[in-house]
Protein backbone atom coordinates (compact mmCIF):
# COMPACT_ATOMS: atom_id res chain seq x y z
CA MET A 1 14.75 -5.28 12.41
CA ALA A 2 13.56 -9.19 12.63
CA LEU A 3 11.15 -9.65 15.05
CA MET A 4 13.08 -11.73 18.34
CA PRO A 5 11.50 -11.49 22.39
CA LYS A 6 13.14 -8.39 23.89
CA ARG A 7 14.02 -10.89 26.47
CA VAL A 8 13.81 -14.42 27.08
CA LYS A 9 14.29 -16.69 30.65
CA TYR A 10 16.68 -18.77 28.94
CA ARG A 11 18.77 -17.82 25.68
CA LYS A 12 19.17 -21.09 23.97
CA SER A 13 15.78 -23.56 24.11
CA GLN A 14 15.71 -27.17 23.41
CA ARG A 15 13.99 -28.61 19.74
CA GLY A 16 11.49 -30.34 21.45
CA ARG A 17 8.64 -32.17 19.15
CA MET A 18 6.07 -30.73 17.09
CA LYS A 19 2.45 -32.70 17.28
CA GLY A 20 -1.20 -32.39 17.29
CA LYS A 21 -3.42 -29.64 16.44
CA ALA A 22 -3.69 -26.08 17.78
CA GLY A 23 -6.02 -25.86 20.87
CA ARG A 24 -5.45 -22.19 20.58
CA ALA A 25 -5.68 -18.67 18.03
CA ASN A 26 -7.47 -21.38 15.88
CA TYR A 27 -10.39 -19.04 15.33
CA VAL A 28 -10.64 -15.06 13.37
CA ALA A 29 -10.82 -13.56 16.79
CA PHE A 30 -9.80 -9.45 15.30
CA GLY A 31 -9.66 -8.92 12.18
CA GLU A 32 -12.92 -10.35 9.98
CA TYR A 33 -10.78 -12.81 7.56
CA GLY A 34 -7.40 -14.93 8.37
CA LEU A 35 -4.99 -17.07 6.93
CA GLN A 36 -4.93 -20.37 8.61
CA ALA A 37 -1.99 -23.19 8.70
CA LEU A 38 -3.20 -26.69 8.15
CA GLU A 39 0.70 -27.80 8.41
CA ILE A 40 2.90 -27.89 11.16
CA SER A 41 5.96 -26.46 10.70
CA TRP A 42 8.43 -23.31 12.39
CA ILE A 43 8.01 -19.85 11.08
CA THR A 44 10.69 -17.90 10.89
CA GLY A 45 10.96 -14.23 11.61
CA ARG A 46 11.96 -13.33 8.87
CA GLN A 47 8.94 -15.26 6.90
CA ILE A 48 6.93 -13.14 9.49
CA GLU A 49 8.31 -9.98 8.38
CA ALA A 50 8.11 -10.93 4.63
CA GLY A 51 4.18 -12.38 4.72
CA ARG A 52 3.10 -8.27 6.76
CA VAL A 53 5.02 -6.59 4.38
CA ALA A 54 3.55 -8.28 1.26
CA ALA A 55 -0.03 -7.61 2.79
CA THR A 56 0.37 -4.01 3.73
CA HIS A 57 2.27 -3.00 0.25
CA PHE A 58 -1.15 -4.55 -1.28
CA LEU A 59 -3.45 -3.18 1.24
CA GLN A 60 -2.09 0.59 0.59
CA ARG A 61 -3.00 1.06 4.01
CA VAL A 62 -6.36 0.37 4.21
CA GLY A 63 -7.81 -2.21 6.35
CA LYS A 64 -5.94 -3.71 9.02
CA VAL A 65 -3.06 -6.57 9.48
CA TYR A 66 -2.94 -8.71 12.94
CA ILE A 67 -0.11 -10.44 13.02
CA ARG A 68 -0.65 -13.35 15.22
CA VAL A 69 2.30 -15.29 15.96
CA PHE A 70 5.16 -14.82 17.27
CA PRO A 71 8.39 -16.24 17.06
CA HIS A 72 9.61 -17.06 20.67
CA LYS A 73 11.91 -20.28 19.98
CA SER A 74 15.12 -19.12 19.77
CA ILE A 75 17.16 -22.14 17.23
CA THR A 76 20.80 -22.95 16.82
CA LYS A 77 23.26 -23.73 14.18
CA LYS A 78 26.48 -24.35 14.04
CA PRO A 79 29.15 -23.17 11.79
CA LEU A 80 29.93 -24.78 8.37
CA GLU A 81 33.14 -26.78 9.25
CA THR A 82 32.99 -26.61 12.16
CA ARG A 83 34.13 -30.32 14.52
CA MET A 84 32.13 -32.55 16.75
CA GLY A 85 31.72 -31.28 20.10
CA LYS A 86 32.63 -27.78 22.07
CA GLY A 87 29.17 -27.49 23.18
CA LYS A 88 25.70 -25.96 21.81
CA ALA A 89 25.93 -23.59 18.90
CA GLU A 90 24.85 -19.76 18.82
CA ILE A 91 21.56 -17.94 18.29
CA ASP A 92 20.63 -18.16 14.36
CA GLN A 93 17.02 -17.89 14.05
CA TRP A 94 14.14 -16.75 16.25
CA VAL A 95 11.12 -18.73 15.15
CA ALA A 96 7.32 -19.40 16.16
CA SER A 97 6.31 -23.34 16.16
CA VAL A 98 2.86 -23.49 14.36
CA LYS A 99 0.52 -26.38 14.64
CA PRO A 100 -2.32 -27.20 12.02
CA GLY A 101 -5.85 -24.40 12.27
CA THR A 102 -3.48 -22.36 14.06
CA VAL A 103 -4.52 -18.40 12.50
CA MET A 104 -1.05 -16.95 11.41
CA PHE A 105 -2.61 -13.48 10.05
CA GLU A 106 -5.29 -11.71 10.12
CA ILE A 107 -7.19 -8.36 8.22
CA GLY A 108 -10.03 -6.62 9.35
CA GLY A 109 -11.86 -3.50 7.37
CA VAL A 110 -11.50 -4.52 3.53
CA SER A 111 -13.78 -6.51 1.64
CA GLU A 112 -14.13 -10.14 1.10
CA ASP A 113 -11.88 -10.01 -2.59
CA VAL A 114 -9.65 -7.79 -1.87
CA ALA A 115 -9.09 -9.79 2.14
CA LYS A 116 -8.72 -12.96 0.04
CA ARG A 117 -5.79 -11.62 -2.35
CA ALA A 118 -4.24 -9.56 0.27
CA LEU A 119 -3.74 -13.22 1.90
CA THR A 120 -3.26 -14.99 -1.30
CA ARG A 121 0.06 -12.94 -1.73
CA VAL A 122 1.08 -13.87 2.14
CA ALA A 123 0.92 -17.55 1.65
CA HIS A 124 3.14 -17.97 -1.30
CA LYS A 125 5.48 -16.72 1.96
CA MET A 126 4.30 -19.14 3.70
CA PRO A 127 6.50 -22.15 3.84
CA ILE A 128 3.60 -24.63 4.74
CA LYS A 129 -0.40 -25.55 3.04
CA CYS A 130 -2.32 -22.15 4.02
CA ARG A 131 -6.31 -21.53 3.62
CA PHE A 132 -8.70 -19.00 3.79
CA ILE A 133 -10.74 -18.58 6.31
CA THR A 134 -13.41 -15.83 7.64
CA ARG A 135 -15.00 -15.05 11.29
CA LYS A 136 -18.23 -16.95 12.20
CA HIS A 137 -20.50 -14.66 13.93
CA ALA A 138 -22.79 -16.28 17.01
CA ILE A 139 -26.59 -16.02 16.82
CA GLY A 140 -28.17 -14.25 19.66
């Protein structure tokens, strides 16, 4: 089942513009290792699900996978060979708007080598460049 919200206040959203860096969700919060976006993009619900499946399949029920992004934004698309006009099109897919620095996936409960290999597989499913990061422990 594709990821999408249960309810939304407005069915169709405007495209908006994506600029700047991530001000939140830009550090590893739940697991020990994370996959951080390095570019601006829309990540579809299917791509998020493909990443989740790749990580859980590789880990074989060892450790835990945390998904830090959710597709809240609706994207509409007109059918092929449709004339202009007749209003805004129907919803085609749901996307998460990702900025550089956003941590998209996290993994905990496994060694660094295993986490790196699992998150590399997830990164291959994403349409943007990503990097592997670790949790920064505070002193004191």
